[in-house]
């Protein structure tokens, strides 16, 4: 059995915007790392974040719950949370749950960055 590697990285875009990039599967066991990264962005003064799921192969309901909670949190801070993915499996999860109608989803990171950075 192969073990999929999971990683999460955070990059500041300047000011109050961040990109959180994940790879692998984001599930019950790894979603806390996503939550920690998003909380870290808030702690550094972040009000907007692009969550890059381009290299994610699977998400579960725990992941969706974290994304929805932080979508609301960033909105409350006057910013936004934008998800990046073009993986049909991940997109289908957003579609089935209806979360795709709540959270902004971009297929390219550049589009998500433009959405969270004024003047980008």
PDB file of N, CA and C in Angstrom:
ATOM      1  N   UNK A   1       0.844  -1.170   0.000  1.00  0.00           N
ATOM      2  CA  UNK A   1       0.000   0.000   0.000  1.00  0.00           C
ATOM      3  C   UNK A   1       0.891   1.235   0.000  1.00  0.00           C
ATOM      4  N   UNK A   2       0.567   2.193  -0.875  1.00  0.00           N
ATOM      5  CA  UNK A   2       1.359   3.412  -0.895  1.00  0.00           C
ATOM      6  C   UNK A   2       0.731   4.439   0.030  1.00  0.00           C
ATOM      7  N   UNK A   3       1.576   5.249   0.609  1.00  0.00           N
ATOM      8  CA  UNK A   3       1.118   6.297   1.507  1.00  0.00           C
ATOM      9  C   UNK A   3       1.229   7.621   0.760  1.00  0.00           C
ATOM     10  N   UNK A   4       0.117   8.325   0.644  1.00  0.00           N
ATOM     11  CA  UNK A   4       0.141   9.620   0.003  1.00  0.00           C
ATOM     12  C   UNK A   4       0.735  10.642   0.961  1.00  0.00           C
ATOM     13  N   UNK A   5       1.654  11.419   0.436  1.00  0.00           N
ATOM     14  CA  UNK A   5       2.251  12.440   1.271  1.00  0.00           C
ATOM     15  C   UNK A   5       1.308  13.618   1.370  1.00  0.00           C
ATOM     16  N   UNK A   6       1.259  14.194   2.548  1.00  0.00           N
ATOM     17  CA  UNK A   6       0.454  15.380   2.791  1.00  0.00           C
ATOM     18  C   UNK A   6       1.386  16.497   3.200  1.00  0.00           C
ATOM     19  N   UNK A   7       1.108  17.683   2.684  1.00  0.00           N
ATOM     20  CA  UNK A   7       1.869  18.849   3.138  1.00  0.00           C
ATOM     21  C   UNK A   7       0.970  20.073   3.097  1.00  0.00           C
ATOM     22  N   UNK A   8       1.341  21.040   3.907  1.00  0.00           N
ATOM     23  CA  UNK A   8       0.654  22.327   3.920  1.00  0.00           C
ATOM     24  C   UNK A   8       1.715  23.410   4.074  1.00  0.00           C
ATOM     25  N   UNK A   9       1.616  24.432   3.236  1.00  0.00           N
ATOM     26  CA  UNK A   9       2.556  25.544   3.268  1.00  0.00           C
ATOM     27  C   UNK A   9       1.782  26.848   3.187  1.00  0.00           C
ATOM     28  N   UNK A  10       2.260  27.842   3.900  1.00  0.00           N
ATOM     29  CA  UNK A  10       1.622  29.156   3.895  1.00  0.00           C
ATOM     30  C   UNK A  10       2.609  30.181   3.370  1.00  0.00           C
ATOM     31  N   UNK A  11       2.117  31.059   2.492  1.00  0.00           N
ATOM     32  CA  UNK A  11       2.942  32.141   1.958  1.00  0.00           C
ATOM     33  C   UNK A  11       2.177  33.451   2.088  1.00  0.00           C
ATOM     34  N   UNK A  12       2.869  34.464   2.559  1.00  0.00           N
ATOM     35  CA  UNK A  12       2.274  35.802   2.643  1.00  0.00           C
ATOM     36  C   UNK A  12       2.389  36.464   1.286  1.00  0.00           C
ATOM     37  N   UNK A  13       1.299  37.067   0.836  1.00  0.00           N
ATOM     38  CA  UNK A  13       1.311  37.785  -0.436  1.00  0.00           C
ATOM     39  C   UNK A  13       1.598  39.263  -0.232  1.00  0.00           C
ATOM     40  N   UNK A  14       1.614  39.675   0.988  1.00  0.00           N
ATOM     41  CA  UNK A  14       1.795  41.085   1.302  1.00  0.00           C
ATOM     42  C   UNK A  14       0.522  41.620   1.919  1.00  0.00           C
ATOM     43  N   UNK A  15       0.709  42.495   2.853  1.00  0.00           N
ATOM     44  CA  UNK A  15      -0.456  43.060   3.527  1.00  0.00           C
ATOM     45  C   UNK A  15      -1.204  41.999   4.302  1.00  0.00           C
ATOM     46  N   UNK A  16      -2.466  41.841   3.990  1.00  0.00           N
ATOM     47  CA  UNK A  16      -3.311  40.939   4.756  1.00  0.00           C
ATOM     48  C   UNK A  16      -3.759  39.711   3.966  1.00  0.00           C
ATOM     49  N   UNK A  17      -3.041  39.374   2.893  1.00  0.00           N
ATOM     50  CA  UNK A  17      -3.432  38.250   2.040  1.00  0.00           C
ATOM     51  C   UNK A  17      -2.386  37.129   2.097  1.00  0.00           C
ATOM     52  N   UNK A  18      -2.895  35.891   2.094  1.00  0.00           N
ATOM     53  CA  UNK A  18      -2.037  34.711   2.191  1.00  0.00           C
ATOM     54  C   UNK A  18      -2.501  33.645   1.209  1.00  0.00           C
ATOM     55  N   UNK A  19      -1.572  32.753   0.866  1.00  0.00           N
ATOM     56  CA  UNK A  19      -1.903  31.548   0.116  1.00  0.00           C
ATOM     57  C   UNK A  19      -1.541  30.360   0.995  1.00  0.00           C
ATOM     58  N   UNK A  20      -2.491  29.460   1.185  1.00  0.00           N
ATOM     59  CA  UNK A  20      -2.251  28.210   1.896  1.00  0.00           C
ATOM     60  C   UNK A  20      -2.328  27.109   0.849  1.00  0.00           C
ATOM     61  N   UNK A  21      -1.220  26.403   0.652  1.00  0.00           N
ATOM     62  CA  UNK A  21      -1.125  25.369  -0.376  1.00  0.00           C
ATOM     63  C   UNK A  21      -1.079  24.001   0.280  1.00  0.00           C
ATOM     64  N   UNK A  22      -1.943  23.103  -0.189  1.00  0.00           N
ATOM     65  CA  UNK A  22      -1.984  21.738   0.337  1.00  0.00           C
ATOM     66  C   UNK A  22      -1.704  20.743  -0.775  1.00  0.00           C
ATOM     67  N   UNK A  23      -1.138  19.607  -0.388  1.00  0.00           N
ATOM     68  CA  UNK A  23      -0.942  18.493  -1.322  1.00  0.00           C
ATOM     69  C   UNK A  23      -1.385  17.209  -0.639  1.00  0.00           C
ATOM     70  N   UNK A  24      -1.798  16.249  -1.452  1.00  0.00           N
ATOM     71  CA  UNK A  24      -2.206  14.948  -0.923  1.00  0.00           C
ATOM     72  C   UNK A  24      -3.679  14.891  -0.616  1.00  0.00           C
ATOM     73  N   UNK A  25      -4.041  14.143   0.423  1.00  0.00           N
ATOM     74  CA  UNK A  25      -5.433  13.994   0.842  1.00  0.00           C
ATOM     75  C   UNK A  25      -5.680  14.842   2.081  1.00  0.00           C
ATOM     76  N   UNK A  26      -6.798  15.575   2.068  1.00  0.00           N
ATOM     77  CA  UNK A  26      -7.157  16.389   3.218  1.00  0.00           C
ATOM     78  C   UNK A  26      -8.403  15.757   3.821  1.00  0.00           C
ATOM     79  N   UNK A  27      -8.227  15.165   4.991  1.00  0.00           N
ATOM     80  CA  UNK A  27      -9.304  14.402   5.610  1.00  0.00           C
ATOM     81  C   UNK A  27      -9.296  14.616   7.117  1.00  0.00           C
ATOM     82  N   UNK A  28     -10.000  13.774   7.821  1.00  0.00           N
ATOM     83  CA  UNK A  28     -10.111  13.867   9.275  1.00  0.00           C
ATOM     84  C   UNK A  28      -8.743  13.989   9.945  1.00  0.00           C
ATOM     85  N   UNK A  29      -7.748  13.306   9.405  1.00  0.00           N
ATOM     86  CA  UNK A  29      -6.428  13.279  10.032  1.00  0.00           C
ATOM     87  C   UNK A  29      -5.559  14.472   9.669  1.00  0.00           C
ATOM     88  N   UNK A  30      -5.781  15.040   8.490  1.00  0.00           N
ATOM     89  CA  UNK A  30      -4.922  16.133   8.035  1.00  0.00           C
ATOM     90  C   UNK A  30      -5.604  17.505   8.060  1.00  0.00           C
ATOM     91  N   UNK A  31      -6.928  17.535   8.152  1.00  0.00           N
ATOM     92  CA  UNK A  31      -7.654  18.813   8.188  1.00  0.00           C
ATOM     93  C   UNK A  31      -7.206  19.716   9.340  1.00  0.00           C
ATOM     94  N   UNK A  32      -6.810  19.176  10.496  1.00  0.00           N
ATOM     95  CA  UNK A  32      -6.312  20.072  11.547  1.00  0.00           C
ATOM     96  C   UNK A  32      -5.095  20.895  11.113  1.00  0.00           C
ATOM     97  N   UNK A  33      -4.274  20.380  10.217  1.00  0.00           N
ATOM     98  CA  UNK A  33      -3.131  21.150   9.713  1.00  0.00           C
ATOM     99  C   UNK A  33      -3.612  22.309   8.848  1.00  0.00           C
ATOM    100  N   UNK A  34      -4.686  22.087   8.076  1.00  0.00           N
ATOM    101  CA  UNK A  34      -5.294  23.169   7.302  1.00  0.00           C
ATOM    102  C   UNK A  34      -5.830  24.233   8.254  1.00  0.00           C
ATOM    103  N   UNK A  35      -6.542  23.799   9.272  1.00  0.00           N
ATOM    104  CA  UNK A  35      -7.097  24.742  10.240  1.00  0.00           C
ATOM    105  C   UNK A  35      -5.988  25.537  10.927  1.00  0.00           C
ATOM    106  N   UNK A  36      -4.913  24.874  11.282  1.00  0.00           N
ATOM    107  CA  UNK A  36      -3.786  25.553  11.933  1.00  0.00           C
ATOM    108  C   UNK A  36      -3.177  26.597  10.991  1.00  0.00           C
ATOM    109  N   UNK A  37      -3.051  26.267   9.714  1.00  0.00           N
ATOM    110  CA  UNK A  37      -2.497  27.218   8.739  1.00  0.00           C
ATOM    111  C   UNK A  37      -3.411  28.430   8.575  1.00  0.00           C
ATOM    112  N   UNK A  38      -4.717  28.198   8.509  1.00  0.00           N
ATOM    113  CA  UNK A  38      -5.663  29.310   8.373  1.00  0.00           C
ATOM    114  C   UNK A  38      -5.673  30.178   9.627  1.00  0.00           C
ATOM    115  N   UNK A  39      -5.610  29.548  10.777  1.00  0.00           N
ATOM    116  CA  UNK A  39      -5.554  30.303  12.034  1.00  0.00           C
ATOM    117  C   UNK A  39      -4.251  31.094  12.115  1.00  0.00           C
ATOM    118  N   UNK A  40      -3.177  30.504  11.605  1.00  0.00           N
ATOM    119  CA  UNK A  40      -1.896  31.213  11.576  1.00  0.00           C
ATOM    120  C   UNK A  40      -1.961  32.463  10.713  1.00  0.00           C
ATOM    121  N   UNK A  41      -2.654  32.367   9.584  1.00  0.00           N
ATOM    122  CA  UNK A  41      -2.825  33.540   8.714  1.00  0.00           C
ATOM    123  C   UNK A  41      -3.603  34.633   9.443  1.00  0.00           C
ATOM    124  N   UNK A  42      -4.660  34.247  10.145  1.00  0.00           N
ATOM    125  CA  UNK A  42      -5.438  35.211  10.925  1.00  0.00           C
ATOM    126  C   UNK A  42      -4.543  35.847  11.989  1.00  0.00           C
ATOM    127  N   UNK A  43      -3.757  35.022  12.662  1.00  0.00           N
ATOM    128  CA  UNK A  43      -2.864  35.514  13.707  1.00  0.00           C
ATOM    129  C   UNK A  43      -1.831  36.502  13.204  1.00  0.00           C
ATOM    130  N   UNK A  44      -1.492  36.412  11.928  1.00  0.00           N
ATOM    131  CA  UNK A  44      -0.532  37.341  11.317  1.00  0.00           C
ATOM    132  C   UNK A  44      -1.216  38.543  10.686  1.00  0.00           C
ATOM    133  N   UNK A  45      -2.512  38.689  10.959  1.00  0.00           N
ATOM    134  CA  UNK A  45      -3.245  39.835  10.445  1.00  0.00           C
ATOM    135  C   UNK A  45      -3.947  39.590   9.123  1.00  0.00           C
ATOM    136  N   UNK A  46      -3.994  38.342   8.708  1.00  0.00           N
ATOM    137  CA  UNK A  46      -4.631  38.015   7.442  1.00  0.00           C
ATOM    138  C   UNK A  46      -6.133  38.198   7.469  1.00  0.00           C
ATOM    139  N   UNK A  47      -6.648  38.755   6.392  1.00  0.00           N
ATOM    140  CA  UNK A  47      -8.097  38.887   6.248  1.00  0.00           C
ATOM    141  C   UNK A  47      -8.595  38.176   4.993  1.00  0.00           C
ATOM    142  N   UNK A  48      -7.667  37.773   4.117  1.00  0.00           N
ATOM    143  CA  UNK A  48      -8.037  37.055   2.901  1.00  0.00           C
ATOM    144  C   UNK A  48      -7.021  35.952   2.642  1.00  0.00           C
ATOM    145  N   UNK A  49      -7.532  34.843   2.112  1.00  0.00           N
ATOM    146  CA  UNK A  49      -6.652  33.712   1.839  1.00  0.00           C
ATOM    147  C   UNK A  49      -7.136  32.949   0.622  1.00  0.00           C
ATOM    148  N   UNK A  50      -6.171  32.507  -0.166  1.00  0.00           N
ATOM    149  CA  UNK A  50      -6.440  31.567  -1.254  1.00  0.00           C
ATOM    150  C   UNK A  50      -5.981  30.205  -0.750  1.00  0.00           C
ATOM    151  N   UNK A  51      -6.883  29.240  -0.741  1.00  0.00           N
ATOM    152  CA  UNK A  51      -6.550  27.882  -0.317  1.00  0.00           C
ATOM    153  C   UNK A  51      -6.335  27.079  -1.591  1.00  0.00           C
ATOM    154  N   UNK A  52      -5.077  26.777  -1.874  1.00  0.00           N
ATOM    155  CA  UNK A  52      -4.697  26.113  -3.113  1.00  0.00           C
ATOM    156  C   UNK A  52      -4.783  24.598  -2.946  1.00  0.00           C
ATOM    157  N   UNK A  53      -5.798  24.008  -3.565  1.00  0.00           N
ATOM    158  CA  UNK A  53      -6.009  22.562  -3.528  1.00  0.00           C
ATOM    159  C   UNK A  53      -5.631  21.915  -4.857  1.00  0.00           C
ATOM    160  N   UNK A  54      -4.837  22.589  -5.676  1.00  0.00           N
ATOM    161  CA  UNK A  54      -4.502  22.078  -7.007  1.00  0.00           C
ATOM    162  C   UNK A  54      -3.827  20.705  -6.959  1.00  0.00           C
ATOM    163  N   UNK A  55      -3.095  20.430  -5.890  1.00  0.00           N
ATOM    164  CA  UNK A  55      -2.394  19.152  -5.763  1.00  0.00           C
ATOM    165  C   UNK A  55      -3.066  18.232  -4.746  1.00  0.00           C
ATOM    166  N   UNK A  56      -4.323  18.507  -4.441  1.00  0.00           N
ATOM    167  CA  UNK A  56      -5.092  17.685  -3.503  1.00  0.00           C
ATOM    168  C   UNK A  56      -5.920  16.692  -4.300  1.00  0.00           C
ATOM    169  N   UNK A  57      -5.908  15.434  -3.864  1.00  0.00           N
ATOM    170  CA  UNK A  57      -6.613  14.380  -4.592  1.00  0.00           C
ATOM    171  C   UNK A  57      -7.914  13.957  -3.927  1.00  0.00           C
ATOM    172  N   UNK A  58      -8.120  14.396  -2.666  1.00  0.00           N
ATOM    173  CA  UNK A  58      -9.317  13.988  -1.937  1.00  0.00           C
ATOM    174  C   UNK A  58      -9.566  14.970  -0.807  1.00  0.00           C
ATOM    175  N   UNK A  59     -10.839  15.329  -0.602  1.00  0.00           N
ATOM    176  CA  UNK A  59     -11.244  16.080   0.578  1.00  0.00           C
ATOM    177  C   UNK A  59     -12.470  15.403   1.166  1.00  0.00           C
ATOM    178  N   UNK A  60     -12.642  15.564   2.463  1.00  0.00           N
ATOM    179  CA  UNK A  60     -13.809  14.959   3.114  1.00  0.00           C
ATOM    180  C   UNK A  60     -14.626  16.037   3.816  1.00  0.00           C
ATOM    181  N   UNK A  61     -15.644  15.609   4.542  1.00  0.00           N
ATOM    182  CA  UNK A  61     -16.539  16.560   5.201  1.00  0.00           C
ATOM    183  C   UNK A  61     -15.832  17.386   6.266  1.00  0.00           C
ATOM    184  N   UNK A  62     -14.806  16.836   6.884  1.00  0.00           N
ATOM    185  CA  UNK A  62     -14.049  17.596   7.875  1.00  0.00           C
ATOM    186  C   UNK A  62     -13.380  18.795   7.209  1.00  0.00           C
ATOM    187  N   UNK A  63     -12.826  18.569   6.048  1.00  0.00           N
ATOM    188  CA  UNK A  63     -12.181  19.629   5.278  1.00  0.00           C
ATOM    189  C   UNK A  63     -13.194  20.695   4.889  1.00  0.00           C
ATOM    190  N   UNK A  64     -14.348  20.245   4.416  1.00  0.00           N
ATOM    191  CA  UNK A  64     -15.397  21.186   4.016  1.00  0.00           C
ATOM    192  C   UNK A  64     -15.843  22.041   5.192  1.00  0.00           C
ATOM    193  N   UNK A  65     -15.941  21.423   6.369  1.00  0.00           N
ATOM    194  CA  UNK A  65     -16.354  22.157   7.571  1.00  0.00           C
ATOM    195  C   UNK A  65     -15.325  23.228   7.920  1.00  0.00           C
ATOM    196  N   UNK A  66     -14.044  22.905   7.822  1.00  0.00           N
ATOM    197  CA  UNK A  66     -12.987  23.882   8.109  1.00  0.00           C
ATOM    198  C   UNK A  66     -13.058  25.031   7.105  1.00  0.00           C
ATOM    199  N   UNK A  67     -13.208  24.700   5.834  1.00  0.00           N
ATOM    200  CA  UNK A  67     -13.278  25.739   4.804  1.00  0.00           C
ATOM    201  C   UNK A  67     -14.493  26.646   5.007  1.00  0.00           C
ATOM    202  N   UNK A  68     -15.624  26.074   5.324  1.00  0.00           N
ATOM    203  CA  UNK A  68     -16.831  26.873   5.538  1.00  0.00           C
ATOM    204  C   UNK A  68     -16.678  27.782   6.760  1.00  0.00           C
ATOM    205  N   UNK A  69     -16.134  27.238   7.831  1.00  0.00           N
ATOM    206  CA  UNK A  69     -15.942  28.036   9.050  1.00  0.00           C
ATOM    207  C   UNK A  69     -15.011  29.220   8.791  1.00  0.00           C
ATOM    208  N   UNK A  70     -13.918  28.962   8.088  1.00  0.00           N
ATOM    209  CA  UNK A  70     -12.978  30.049   7.824  1.00  0.00           C
ATOM    210  C   UNK A  70     -13.467  30.975   6.718  1.00  0.00           C
ATOM    211  N   UNK A  71     -14.298  30.499   5.817  1.00  0.00           N
ATOM    212  CA  UNK A  71     -14.953  31.374   4.843  1.00  0.00           C
ATOM    213  C   UNK A  71     -15.733  32.445   5.607  1.00  0.00           C
ATOM    214  N   UNK A  72     -16.500  32.010   6.587  1.00  0.00           N
ATOM    215  CA  UNK A  72     -17.283  32.939   7.409  1.00  0.00           C
ATOM    216  C   UNK A  72     -16.366  33.852   8.231  1.00  0.00           C
ATOM    217  N   UNK A  73     -15.306  33.294   8.763  1.00  0.00           N
ATOM    218  CA  UNK A  73     -14.396  34.082   9.600  1.00  0.00           C
ATOM    219  C   UNK A  73     -13.721  35.180   8.787  1.00  0.00           C
ATOM    220  N   UNK A  74     -13.191  34.831   7.607  1.00  0.00           N
ATOM    221  CA  UNK A  74     -12.528  35.843   6.779  1.00  0.00           C
ATOM    222  C   UNK A  74     -13.536  36.881   6.285  1.00  0.00           C
ATOM    223  N   UNK A  75     -14.733  36.457   5.980  1.00  0.00           N
ATOM    224  CA  UNK A  75     -15.778  37.391   5.570  1.00  0.00           C
ATOM    225  C   UNK A  75     -16.076  38.369   6.706  1.00  0.00           C
ATOM    226  N   UNK A  76     -16.103  37.859   7.930  1.00  0.00           N
ATOM    227  CA  UNK A  76     -16.312  38.717   9.092  1.00  0.00           C
ATOM    228  C   UNK A  76     -15.191  39.716   9.307  1.00  0.00           C
ATOM    229  N   UNK A  77     -14.009  39.402   8.806  1.00  0.00           N
ATOM    230  CA  UNK A  77     -12.861  40.311   8.898  1.00  0.00           C
ATOM    231  C   UNK A  77     -12.814  41.294   7.731  1.00  0.00           C
ATOM    232  N   UNK A  78     -13.812  41.203   6.853  1.00  0.00           N
ATOM    233  CA  UNK A  78     -13.853  42.094   5.694  1.00  0.00           C
ATOM    234  C   UNK A  78     -13.083  41.569   4.501  1.00  0.00           C
ATOM    235  N   UNK A  79     -12.681  40.308   4.553  1.00  0.00           N
ATOM    236  CA  UNK A  79     -11.924  39.714   3.457  1.00  0.00           C
ATOM    237  C   UNK A  79     -12.669  38.556   2.845  1.00  0.00           C
ATOM    238  N   UNK A  80     -11.906  37.609   2.338  1.00  0.00           N
ATOM    239  CA  UNK A  80     -12.542  36.450   1.725  1.00  0.00           C
ATOM    240  C   UNK A  80     -11.605  35.255   1.684  1.00  0.00           C
ATOM    241  N   UNK A  81     -12.214  34.106   1.500  1.00  0.00           N
ATOM    242  CA  UNK A  81     -11.501  32.854   1.310  1.00  0.00           C
ATOM    243  C   UNK A  81     -11.880  32.355  -0.081  1.00  0.00           C
ATOM    244  N   UNK A  82     -10.876  32.056  -0.893  1.00  0.00           N
ATOM    245  CA  UNK A  82     -11.082  31.551  -2.241  1.00  0.00           C
ATOM    246  C   UNK A  82     -10.356  30.215  -2.360  1.00  0.00           C
ATOM    247  N   UNK A  83     -11.045  29.220  -2.881  1.00  0.00           N
ATOM    248  CA  UNK A  83     -10.468  27.883  -3.068  1.00  0.00           C
ATOM    249  C   UNK A  83      -9.980  27.759  -4.502  1.00  0.00           C
ATOM    250  N   UNK A  84      -8.828  27.093  -4.670  1.00  0.00           N
ATOM    251  CA  UNK A  84      -8.269  26.846  -5.994  1.00  0.00           C
ATOM    252  C   UNK A  84      -8.241  25.348  -6.240  1.00  0.00           C
ATOM    253  N   UNK A  85      -8.939  24.910  -7.284  1.00  0.00           N
ATOM    254  CA  UNK A  85      -8.870  23.514  -7.725  1.00  0.00           C
ATOM    255  C   UNK A  85      -9.453  23.390  -9.110  1.00  0.00           C
ATOM    256  N   UNK A  86      -8.910  22.465  -9.859  1.00  0.00           N
ATOM    257  CA  UNK A  86      -9.546  22.085 -11.118  1.00  0.00           C
ATOM    258  C   UNK A  86      -9.674  20.567 -11.201  1.00  0.00           C
ATOM    259  N   UNK A  87      -9.449  19.902 -10.065  1.00  0.00           N
ATOM    260  CA  UNK A  87      -9.590  18.450  -9.994  1.00  0.00           C
ATOM    261  C   UNK A  87     -11.081  18.100  -9.967  1.00  0.00           C
ATOM    262  N   UNK A  88     -11.520  17.315 -10.915  1.00  0.00           N
ATOM    263  CA  UNK A  88     -12.950  17.007 -11.040  1.00  0.00           C
ATOM    264  C   UNK A  88     -13.501  16.308  -9.800  1.00  0.00           C
ATOM    265  N   UNK A  89     -12.671  15.495  -9.115  1.00  0.00           N
ATOM    266  CA  UNK A  89     -13.144  14.807  -7.902  1.00  0.00           C
ATOM    267  C   UNK A  89     -13.396  15.798  -6.777  1.00  0.00           C
ATOM    268  N   UNK A  90     -12.492  16.732  -6.617  1.00  0.00           N
ATOM    269  CA  UNK A  90     -12.638  17.742  -5.565  1.00  0.00           C
ATOM    270  C   UNK A  90     -13.797  18.681  -5.914  1.00  0.00           C
ATOM    271  N   UNK A  91     -13.870  19.094  -7.167  1.00  0.00           N
ATOM    272  CA  UNK A  91     -14.974  19.954  -7.596  1.00  0.00           C
ATOM    273  C   UNK A  91     -16.321  19.265  -7.388  1.00  0.00           C
ATOM    274  N   UNK A  92     -16.370  17.979  -7.648  1.00  0.00           N
ATOM    275  CA  UNK A  92     -17.615  17.219  -7.471  1.00  0.00           C
ATOM    276  C   UNK A  92     -18.047  17.222  -6.001  1.00  0.00           C
ATOM    277  N   UNK A  93     -17.093  17.135  -5.094  1.00  0.00           N
ATOM    278  CA  UNK A  93     -17.407  17.178  -3.668  1.00  0.00           C
ATOM    279  C   UNK A  93     -18.049  18.513  -3.307  1.00  0.00           C
ATOM    280  N   UNK A  94     -17.512  19.600  -3.834  1.00  0.00           N
ATOM    281  CA  UNK A  94     -18.109  20.914  -3.586  1.00  0.00           C
ATOM    282  C   UNK A  94     -19.505  20.994  -4.200  1.00  0.00           C
ATOM    283  N   UNK A  95     -19.659  20.433  -5.380  1.00  0.00           N
ATOM    284  CA  UNK A  95     -20.949  20.460  -6.067  1.00  0.00           C
ATOM    285  C   UNK A  95     -22.011  19.661  -5.312  1.00  0.00           C
ATOM    286  N   UNK A  96     -21.678  18.444  -4.925  1.00  0.00           N
ATOM    287  CA  UNK A  96     -22.627  17.559  -4.247  1.00  0.00           C
ATOM    288  C   UNK A  96     -23.113  18.166  -2.934  1.00  0.00           C
ATOM    289  N   UNK A  97     -22.200  18.784  -2.203  1.00  0.00           N
ATOM    290  CA  UNK A  97     -22.548  19.328  -0.891  1.00  0.00           C
ATOM    291  C   UNK A  97     -23.187  20.708  -0.964  1.00  0.00           C
ATOM    292  N   UNK A  98     -23.111  21.354  -2.112  1.00  0.00           N
ATOM    293  CA  UNK A  98     -23.646  22.698  -2.250  1.00  0.00           C
ATOM    294  C   UNK A  98     -22.682  23.782  -1.804  1.00  0.00           C
ATOM    295  N   UNK A  99     -21.533  23.392  -1.275  1.00  0.00           N
ATOM    296  CA  UNK A  99     -20.568  24.376  -0.794  1.00  0.00           C
ATOM    297  C   UNK A  99     -19.992  25.202  -1.947  1.00  0.00           C
ATOM    298  N   UNK A 100     -20.041  24.660  -3.140  1.00  0.00           N
ATOM    299  CA  UNK A 100     -19.566  25.401  -4.302  1.00  0.00           C
ATOM    300  C   UNK A 100     -20.392  26.645  -4.591  1.00  0.00           C
ATOM    301  N   UNK A 101     -21.609  26.705  -4.050  1.00  0.00           N
ATOM    302  CA  UNK A 101     -22.439  27.896  -4.208  1.00  0.00           C
ATOM    303  C   UNK A 101     -22.166  28.925  -3.108  1.00  0.00           C
ATOM    304  N   UNK A 102     -21.407  28.529  -2.095  1.00  0.00           N
ATOM    305  CA  UNK A 102     -21.114  29.411  -0.961  1.00  0.00           C
ATOM    306  C   UNK A 102     -19.700  29.968  -1.055  1.00  0.00           C
ATOM    307  N   UNK A 103     -18.752  29.103  -1.319  1.00  0.00           N
ATOM    308  CA  UNK A 103     -17.334  29.463  -1.371  1.00  0.00           C
ATOM    309  C   UNK A 103     -16.938  29.720  -2.824  1.00  0.00           C
ATOM    310  N   UNK A 104     -16.164  30.769  -3.046  1.00  0.00           N
ATOM    311  CA  UNK A 104     -15.654  31.052  -4.382  1.00  0.00           C
ATOM    312  C   UNK A 104     -14.591  30.022  -4.740  1.00  0.00           C
ATOM    313  N   UNK A 105     -14.725  29.430  -5.926  1.00  0.00           N
ATOM    314  CA  UNK A 105     -13.753  28.453  -6.415  1.00  0.00           C
ATOM    315  C   UNK A 105     -13.182  28.959  -7.728  1.00  0.00           C
ATOM    316  N   UNK A 106     -11.872  29.020  -7.787  1.00  0.00           N
ATOM    317  CA  UNK A 106     -11.163  29.385  -9.015  1.00  0.00           C
ATOM    318  C   UNK A 106     -10.371  28.180  -9.485  1.00  0.00           C
ATOM    319  N   UNK A 107     -10.206  28.055 -10.764  1.00  0.00           N
ATOM    320  CA  UNK A 107      -9.455  26.925 -11.320  1.00  0.00           C
ATOM    321  C   UNK A 107      -7.957  27.212 -11.425  1.00  0.00           C
ATOM    322  N   UNK A 108      -7.572  28.489 -11.313  1.00  0.00           N
ATOM    323  CA  UNK A 108      -6.158  28.859 -11.394  1.00  0.00           C
ATOM    324  C   UNK A 108      -5.782  29.714 -10.188  1.00  0.00           C
ATOM    325  N   UNK A 109      -4.578  29.484  -9.669  1.00  0.00           N
ATOM    326  CA  UNK A 109      -4.098  30.246  -8.519  1.00  0.00           C
ATOM    327  C   UNK A 109      -4.029  31.734  -8.840  1.00  0.00           C
ATOM    328  N   UNK A 110      -3.616  32.077 -10.037  1.00  0.00           N
ATOM    329  CA  UNK A 110      -3.517  33.491 -10.415  1.00  0.00           C
ATOM    330  C   UNK A 110      -4.867  34.186 -10.296  1.00  0.00           C
ATOM    331  N   UNK A 111      -5.942  33.505 -10.653  1.00  0.00           N
ATOM    332  CA  UNK A 111      -7.278  34.091 -10.545  1.00  0.00           C
ATOM    333  C   UNK A 111      -7.683  34.272  -9.084  1.00  0.00           C
ATOM    334  N   UNK A 112      -7.312  33.313  -8.245  1.00  0.00           N
ATOM    335  CA  UNK A 112      -7.625  33.422  -6.819  1.00  0.00           C
ATOM    336  C   UNK A 112      -6.843  34.571  -6.186  1.00  0.00           C
ATOM    337  N   UNK A 113      -5.589  34.699  -6.544  1.00  0.00           N
ATOM    338  CA  UNK A 113      -4.766  35.805  -6.019  1.00  0.00           C
ATOM    339  C   UNK A 113      -5.362  37.132  -6.448  1.00  0.00           C
ATOM    340  N   UNK A 114      -5.787  37.219  -7.697  1.00  0.00           N
ATOM    341  CA  UNK A 114      -6.409  38.460  -8.176  1.00  0.00           C
ATOM    342  C   UNK A 114      -7.680  38.767  -7.393  1.00  0.00           C
ATOM    343  N   UNK A 115      -8.390  37.733  -6.968  1.00  0.00           N
ATOM    344  CA  UNK A 115      -9.635  37.925  -6.234  1.00  0.00           C
ATOM    345  C   UNK A 115      -9.398  38.417  -4.808  1.00  0.00           C
ATOM    346  N   UNK A 116      -8.246  38.092  -4.228  1.00  0.00           N
ATOM    347  CA  UNK A 116      -8.017  38.483  -2.835  1.00  0.00           C
ATOM    348  C   UNK A 116      -7.068  39.671  -2.669  1.00  0.00           C
ATOM    349  N   UNK A 117      -6.365  40.024  -3.742  1.00  0.00           N
ATOM    350  CA  UNK A 117      -5.450  41.171  -3.673  1.00  0.00           C
ATOM    351  C   UNK A 117      -6.040  42.345  -4.439  1.00  0.00           C
ATOM    352  N   UNK A 118      -6.325  43.422  -3.772  1.00  0.00           N
ATOM    353  CA  UNK A 118      -6.816  44.597  -4.494  1.00  0.00           C
ATOM    354  C   UNK A 118      -5.759  45.084  -5.484  1.00  0.00           C
ATOM    355  N   UNK A 119      -6.179  45.343  -6.688  1.00  0.00           N
ATOM    356  CA  UNK A 119      -5.260  45.858  -7.698  1.00  0.00           C
ATOM    357  C   UNK A 119      -4.341  44.827  -8.309  1.00  0.00           C
ATOM    358  N   UNK A 120      -4.562  43.524  -7.997  1.00  0.00           N
ATOM    359  CA  UNK A 120      -3.663  42.490  -8.572  1.00  0.00           C
ATOM    360  C   UNK A 120      -4.025  42.206 -10.013  1.00  0.00           C
TER     361      UNK A 120
END
